[in-house]
Protein backbone atom coordinates (compact mmCIF):
# COMPACT_ATOMS: atom_id res chain seq x y z
CA MET A 1 -54.07 -21.12 5.86
CA GLY A 2 -50.97 -22.92 7.04
CA SER A 3 -49.40 -22.76 3.59
CA GLN A 4 -50.12 -19.02 3.38
CA LEU A 5 -48.40 -18.40 6.72
CA ALA A 6 -45.38 -20.40 5.54
CA LEU A 7 -45.25 -18.40 2.28
CA LYS A 8 -45.51 -15.10 4.17
CA SER A 9 -42.69 -16.17 6.48
CA ARG A 10 -40.46 -17.09 3.53
CA ILE A 11 -41.23 -13.81 1.77
CA ALA A 12 -40.34 -11.83 4.91
CA SER A 13 -37.05 -13.70 5.45
CA THR A 14 -36.09 -13.44 1.77
CA SER A 15 -36.86 -9.71 1.82
CA SER A 16 -34.49 -9.28 4.76
CA LEU A 17 -31.78 -11.14 2.90
CA GLU A 18 -32.40 -9.07 -0.22
CA LYS A 19 -31.83 -5.89 1.77
CA ILE A 20 -28.56 -7.28 3.19
CA PHE A 21 -27.34 -8.35 -0.25
CA ASN A 22 -28.25 -4.97 -1.75
CA ALA A 23 -26.45 -3.12 1.05
CA GLN A 24 -23.33 -5.26 0.56
CA GLU A 25 -23.44 -4.59 -3.18
CA MET A 26 -23.66 -0.83 -2.61
CA ILE A 27 -20.74 -0.91 -0.15
CA ALA A 28 -18.60 -2.89 -2.59
CA SER A 29 -19.55 -0.51 -5.41
CA SER A 30 -18.38 2.46 -3.36
CA HIS A 31 -15.01 0.79 -2.61
CA ILE A 32 -14.16 -0.76 -5.97
CA ALA A 33 -13.06 2.44 -7.73
CA LYS A 34 -10.51 3.29 -5.04
CA ALA A 35 -9.28 -0.30 -4.75
CA ARG A 36 -8.80 -0.49 -8.51
CA ASP A 37 -6.91 2.81 -8.66
CA VAL A 38 -4.64 1.84 -5.75
CA ALA A 39 -3.81 -1.49 -7.42
CA LEU A 40 -3.06 0.17 -10.75
CA ASN A 41 -0.93 2.88 -9.13
CA ALA A 42 1.21 0.29 -7.36
CA LYS A 43 1.99 -1.61 -10.56
CA PRO A 44 4.53 0.86 -12.12
CA TYR A 45 6.81 0.74 -9.06
CA SER A 46 6.63 -3.04 -8.88
CA ASP A 47 7.36 -3.33 -12.60
CA ALA A 48 10.27 -0.89 -12.31
CA ILE A 49 11.97 -2.75 -9.47
CA SER A 50 11.36 -6.06 -11.28
CA ASP A 51 13.00 -4.62 -14.40
CA ALA A 52 15.91 -3.39 -12.27
CA VAL A 53 16.41 -6.87 -10.82
CA GLN A 54 16.27 -8.37 -14.31
CA ALA A 55 18.86 -5.86 -15.51
CA LEU A 56 21.14 -6.67 -12.58
CA VAL A 57 21.06 -10.41 -13.12
CA GLN A 58 21.40 -10.13 -16.91
CA HIS A 59 24.46 -7.89 -16.91
CA THR A 60 26.45 -9.77 -14.30
CA HIS A 61 27.81 -13.26 -13.84
CA ILE A 62 26.68 -13.99 -10.32
CA ASN A 63 25.73 -16.89 -8.12
CA HIS A 64 23.39 -15.07 -5.75
CA PRO A 65 20.34 -16.71 -4.11
CA ILE A 66 18.08 -14.20 -5.86
CA VAL A 67 18.94 -15.98 -9.10
CA LYS A 68 19.87 -19.49 -8.04
CA LYS A 69 19.48 -21.41 -4.81
CA SER A 70 20.93 -24.80 -3.99
CA GLU A 71 19.92 -27.38 -6.58
CA ASN A 72 19.60 -29.97 -3.82
CA GLY A 73 16.95 -27.97 -1.98
CA THR A 74 13.58 -29.68 -1.78
CA ARG A 75 11.63 -27.23 0.38
CA VAL A 76 9.26 -24.81 -1.34
CA ALA A 77 7.23 -21.96 0.17
CA VAL A 78 3.71 -21.27 -1.12
CA LEU A 79 1.79 -18.12 -0.13
CA ALA A 80 -1.99 -18.14 -0.71
CA LEU A 81 -3.90 -14.84 -0.63
CA THR A 82 -7.51 -15.45 0.46
CA SER A 83 -10.13 -13.18 2.03
CA ASP A 84 -11.19 -12.34 5.58
CA ARG A 85 -14.90 -12.12 4.83
CA GLY A 86 -17.39 -14.13 2.83
CA MET A 87 -20.09 -12.99 0.42
CA ALA A 88 -17.50 -12.79 -2.38
CA GLY A 89 -18.72 -15.63 -4.57
CA PRO A 90 -16.04 -18.16 -5.60
CA TYR A 91 -13.15 -15.82 -4.73
CA THR A 92 -11.60 -17.81 -1.85
CA SER A 93 -12.61 -21.22 -3.18
CA SER A 94 -10.83 -20.50 -6.47
CA ILE A 95 -7.64 -19.54 -4.62
CA ILE A 96 -7.79 -22.66 -2.45
CA ARG A 97 -8.45 -24.88 -5.46
CA GLU A 98 -5.44 -23.44 -7.33
CA THR A 99 -3.28 -23.70 -4.21
CA GLU A 100 -4.21 -27.35 -3.73
CA SER A 101 -3.37 -28.01 -7.38
CA LEU A 102 0.03 -26.34 -6.98
CA LEU A 103 0.79 -28.26 -3.78
CA ALA A 104 -0.12 -31.52 -5.53
CA ARG A 105 2.21 -30.75 -8.44
CA LEU A 106 5.06 -29.91 -6.10
CA ASP A 107 4.48 -33.11 -4.12
CA GLU A 108 4.68 -35.12 -7.34
CA GLN A 109 8.06 -33.49 -8.00
CA GLY A 110 9.30 -34.65 -4.62
CA LYS A 111 9.17 -31.20 -3.03
CA GLN A 112 8.39 -30.48 0.61
CA THR A 113 5.97 -27.56 0.79
CA GLU A 114 5.62 -24.90 3.47
CA LEU A 115 2.25 -23.17 3.32
CA TYR A 116 1.74 -19.50 4.22
CA VAL A 117 -1.82 -18.15 4.24
CA TYR A 118 -3.16 -14.60 4.22
CA GLY A 119 -6.85 -14.20 4.99
CA ARG A 120 -9.14 -15.59 7.67
CA ARG A 121 -11.10 -17.78 5.26
CA GLY A 122 -8.03 -19.61 4.03
CA VAL A 123 -6.62 -19.98 7.54
CA SER A 124 -9.89 -21.50 8.78
CA TYR A 125 -10.03 -23.87 5.80
CA TYR A 126 -6.58 -25.33 6.37
CA LYS A 127 -6.78 -25.39 10.16
CA TYR A 128 -10.07 -27.30 9.96
CA ARG A 129 -8.28 -29.89 7.81
CA ASN A 130 -5.29 -30.04 10.20
CA ARG A 131 -2.91 -28.76 7.53
CA ASP A 132 0.40 -27.48 8.87
CA ILE A 133 0.75 -23.74 8.21
CA ALA A 134 4.14 -22.05 8.48
CA GLY A 135 2.70 -18.53 8.83
CA THR A 136 -0.66 -16.77 8.85
CA TRP A 137 -1.85 -13.17 8.56
CA GLU A 138 -5.39 -11.90 8.98
CA GLY A 139 -7.20 -8.59 8.82
CA ASN A 140 -8.15 -6.04 6.15
CA THR A 141 -7.74 -8.24 3.09
CA ASP A 142 -9.93 -5.78 1.17
CA LYS A 143 -7.69 -2.86 2.26
CA PRO A 144 -4.16 -4.23 2.81
CA GLY A 145 -1.54 -1.82 4.13
CA VAL A 146 2.21 -1.62 3.75
CA GLU A 147 2.68 -3.09 7.23
CA VAL A 148 1.24 -6.48 6.32
CA ALA A 149 3.29 -6.56 3.12
CA GLU A 150 6.42 -5.90 5.19
CA ALA A 151 5.55 -8.65 7.68
CA ILE A 152 4.86 -11.21 4.94
CA SER A 153 7.95 -10.32 2.91
CA LYS A 154 10.21 -10.48 5.99
CA ALA A 155 8.96 -13.95 6.91
CA LEU A 156 9.37 -15.24 3.35
CA VAL A 157 12.79 -13.67 2.78
CA ASP A 158 14.03 -15.08 6.09
CA ALA A 159 12.81 -18.54 5.07
CA TYR A 160 14.42 -18.21 1.64
CA MET A 161 17.80 -16.97 2.86
CA LYS A 162 18.21 -19.82 5.35
CA SER A 163 20.43 -22.67 4.35
CA ASP A 164 18.95 -26.04 3.44
CA GLU A 165 20.34 -27.51 6.66
CA ASP A 166 18.46 -24.91 8.72
CA GLY A 167 15.16 -25.62 6.96
CA GLY A 168 15.36 -22.91 4.31
CA VAL A 169 13.27 -22.99 1.16
CA SER A 170 14.68 -22.98 -2.36
CA GLU A 171 11.63 -21.58 -4.18
CA LEU A 172 8.86 -19.13 -3.42
CA TYR A 173 5.41 -19.13 -5.05
CA ILE A 174 2.41 -16.87 -4.51
CA VAL A 175 -1.18 -17.69 -5.46
CA PHE A 176 -3.43 -14.65 -5.88
CA THR A 177 -6.26 -13.23 -7.97
CA GLU A 178 -5.29 -10.69 -10.60
CA PHE A 179 -7.74 -7.86 -11.27
CA ILE A 180 -8.43 -7.67 -15.02
CA ASN A 181 -11.65 -5.65 -14.99
CA MET A 182 -14.93 -5.48 -13.11
CA VAL A 183 -16.16 -8.72 -14.65
CA VAL A 184 -12.96 -10.77 -15.01
CA GLN A 185 -10.61 -11.67 -12.16
CA LYS A 186 -8.04 -14.37 -12.91
CA VAL A 187 -6.30 -16.66 -10.42
CA ARG A 188 -2.55 -16.68 -11.02
CA VAL A 189 0.45 -18.59 -9.71
CA LEU A 190 3.62 -16.48 -9.63
CA ARG A 191 7.10 -17.74 -8.85
CA MET A 192 8.86 -14.85 -7.17
CA LEU A 193 12.12 -16.57 -6.24
CA PRO A 194 14.50 -17.47 -7.71
CA VAL A 195 14.13 -14.73 -10.30
CA GLU A 196 13.73 -16.19 -13.76
CA VAL A 197 16.44 -14.74 -15.98
CA ILE A 198 15.10 -13.69 -19.36
CA ALA A 199 17.87 -14.08 -21.90
CA ASP A 200 18.67 -11.03 -23.98
CA GLN A 201 17.70 -11.10 -27.62
CA PRO A 202 20.62 -10.99 -30.10
CA THR A 203 21.56 -7.38 -30.58
CA LYS A 204 21.41 -5.79 -33.99
CA ILE A 205 23.35 -2.82 -35.26
CA ASN A 206 21.13 0.22 -35.15
CA THR A 207 22.22 3.23 -37.18
CA ASP A 208 19.49 5.44 -35.78
CA GLN A 209 21.20 8.17 -33.77
CA ASN A 210 18.07 8.65 -31.70
CA ALA A 211 17.93 4.98 -30.65
CA GLU A 212 18.14 4.37 -26.93
CA ALA A 213 21.51 2.94 -25.87
CA SER A 214 21.75 -0.11 -23.63
CA PRO A 215 22.74 0.87 -20.10
CA LEU A 216 26.09 0.02 -18.57
CA TYR A 217 26.27 -0.85 -14.87
CA ALA A 218 28.86 -0.32 -12.19
CA PHE A 219 28.26 -1.85 -8.77
CA GLU A 220 29.41 -0.35 -5.50
CA PRO A 221 30.46 -1.75 -3.14
CA SER A 222 29.81 -5.13 -4.83
CA VAL A 223 27.18 -7.03 -6.81
CA ASP A 224 26.30 -9.32 -3.90
CA GLU A 225 25.78 -6.43 -1.50
CA VAL A 226 23.60 -4.60 -4.02
CA LEU A 227 21.47 -7.70 -4.50
CA ASP A 228 21.30 -8.30 -0.73
CA ALA A 229 19.89 -4.79 -0.37
CA ILE A 230 17.44 -4.98 -3.26
CA LEU A 231 16.09 -8.49 -2.51
CA PRO A 232 13.81 -7.49 0.42
CA LYS A 233 12.54 -4.45 -1.50
CA TYR A 234 11.85 -6.58 -4.56
CA ILE A 235 9.89 -9.18 -2.59
CA GLN A 236 7.98 -6.55 -0.61
CA SER A 237 6.99 -4.62 -3.71
CA ARG A 238 5.80 -7.74 -5.53
CA ILE A 239 3.84 -8.96 -2.51
CA HIS A 240 2.32 -5.52 -1.94
CA GLU A 241 1.23 -5.37 -5.58
CA CYS A 242 -0.31 -8.84 -5.32
CA LEU A 243 -2.13 -7.85 -2.12
CA LEU A 244 -3.57 -4.73 -3.74
CA THR A 245 -4.71 -6.42 -6.95
CA ALA A 246 -6.16 -9.26 -4.85
CA ALA A 247 -8.06 -6.68 -2.75
CA ALA A 248 -9.50 -5.11 -5.91
CA SER A 249 -10.44 -8.57 -7.18
CA GLU A 250 -12.10 -9.44 -3.86
CA THR A 251 -14.17 -6.25 -3.90
CA ALA A 252 -15.20 -6.76 -7.53
CA SER A 253 -16.06 -10.39 -6.84
CA ARG A 254 -18.13 -9.38 -3.82
CA GLN A 255 -20.01 -6.75 -5.82
CA ASN A 256 -20.79 -9.23 -8.60
CA ALA A 257 -21.83 -11.93 -6.13
CA MET A 258 -24.08 -9.57 -4.16
CA HIS A 259 -25.66 -8.24 -7.35
CA THR A 260 -26.48 -11.79 -8.43
CA ALA A 261 -27.75 -12.68 -4.95
CA THR A 262 -29.97 -9.56 -4.90
CA GLU A 263 -31.46 -10.43 -8.28
CA ASN A 264 -32.06 -14.03 -7.20
CA ALA A 265 -33.72 -12.89 -3.96
CA ARG A 266 -36.03 -10.55 -5.85
CA SER A 267 -36.90 -13.30 -8.31
CA LEU A 268 -37.66 -15.67 -5.43
CA ILE A 269 -39.84 -13.04 -3.74
CA ASP A 270 -41.82 -12.58 -6.97
CA ASP A 271 -42.28 -16.35 -7.29
CA LEU A 272 -43.38 -16.71 -3.66
CA THR A 273 -45.74 -13.75 -4.01
CA ARG A 274 -47.42 -15.39 -7.02
CA LYS A 275 -47.80 -18.61 -5.05
CA LEU A 276 -49.27 -16.67 -2.11
CA ASN A 277 -51.76 -14.88 -4.35
CA ALA A 278 -52.76 -18.16 -5.98
CA SER A 279 -53.25 -19.72 -2.53
CA ARG A 280 -55.40 -16.74 -1.45
CA GLN A 281 -57.51 -16.98 -4.60
CA ALA A 282 -58.00 -20.72 -4.07
CA SER A 283 -59.00 -20.10 -0.43
CA ILE A 284 -61.47 -17.35 -1.41
CA THR A 285 -62.94 -19.51 -4.18
CA GLN A 286 -63.39 -22.38 -1.75
CA GLU A 287 -65.10 -20.13 0.81
CA LEU A 288 -67.45 -18.70 -1.85
CA THR A 289 -68.27 -22.22 -3.04
CA GLU A 290 -69.09 -23.29 0.51
CA ILE A 291 -71.29 -20.20 1.08
CA ILE A 292 -73.21 -20.68 -2.20
CA GLY A 293 -73.59 -24.38 -1.49
CA SER A 294 -74.96 -23.64 1.99
CA ALA A 295 -77.38 -21.03 0.59
CA ASP A 296 -78.69 -23.47 -2.03
CA ALA A 297 -79.18 -26.12 0.64
CA LEU A 298 -81.20 -23.69 2.83
CA ASN A 299 -83.36 -22.62 -0.12
CA LYS A 300 -84.14 -26.23 -1.02
CA LYS A 301 -85.00 -26.99 2.62
CA GLU A 302 -87.44 -24.04 2.81
CA GLU A 303 -89.16 -25.16 -0.37
C-alpha cells in the first residue's frame, strides 16, 4: 500500500509539471512567429548601415577609432546576451560557455577583459562566482526594446572612445545566439569594433552599359565628423539586431525545451501508471490468495 501511495503522489506531481510545461510551450509557440518576424525585419537596416560603414572606410584613408584603435591597448570589452528566465534548455549555458571560451582566449593573448552582461541569468551566474562586471542590464530579454539597445550601445561606445590612459577599451565583442530556424539556433561571437575592413576585389573593365557604377563619396563637413556621427548609430543598430535575433532564439529554444519536457513528463506518467497498475494487481492477487487459503483451511477444519 505504501508503494502505491508513493506512485500516486509521483503521478500527481508529474501531471502538474506536465501542465506547466505544456502551458509554457503554448506561450512560446504564440510568441515565436512575432519574434522571428521582428528579428528578420531589423536585419535589412543593420546590414545597410554596416555596408555604409564599410563603404566609408574603404573609400577613404582615415585613422579613425571606428577602424583602428591604439595598437598598445590591452583592454577588451565583451558583451554576453543571456536570458532573464529559465525553461529555455541550454540557451543561457551555451552563451556562458562560449563567453568563457572567448575570455580565456583573450587572457592568453595578454588582454584585460571587461565583461558586460545582459540578462538576469547571466548576471546571477557571474555574480555568484564573484566575477567583476562592468555593466549589467536586465528585463524583457524575450522582447527587447530600443531603449535597452540605446543604453547598452551608449555604455559600450563611451568605453570604446575613452583613451587607454582613462581605461578605454580597444576592441568590442558580442556573444549572442543567432536565430537560424525553429530547430537550429547558433551561438556566435561578433567583433563589432574596430570595423574589419574588407579589401576591394580588383576591378575589371565592364562594357555592359547597364552595369551598376561604383559610388563616389564626398564628405561634409569632414570624414572624421561623419564617422563620429555614424559610430553610435552603427553600434546601436548592430546591438539591437543581436538583441532581437537572440530573443527569437530564446523563444524558439524555450518552445523546443518545453515540448521535450512535456513529452518526457507524459512518458514518465505512463511508466508510473503501469507500475501502479502492476502493484494493484499484485496486491489483489495476494488478497485473493489469502482469502482462498483461509477458505481451504476452514473447510479442512470442518471435515
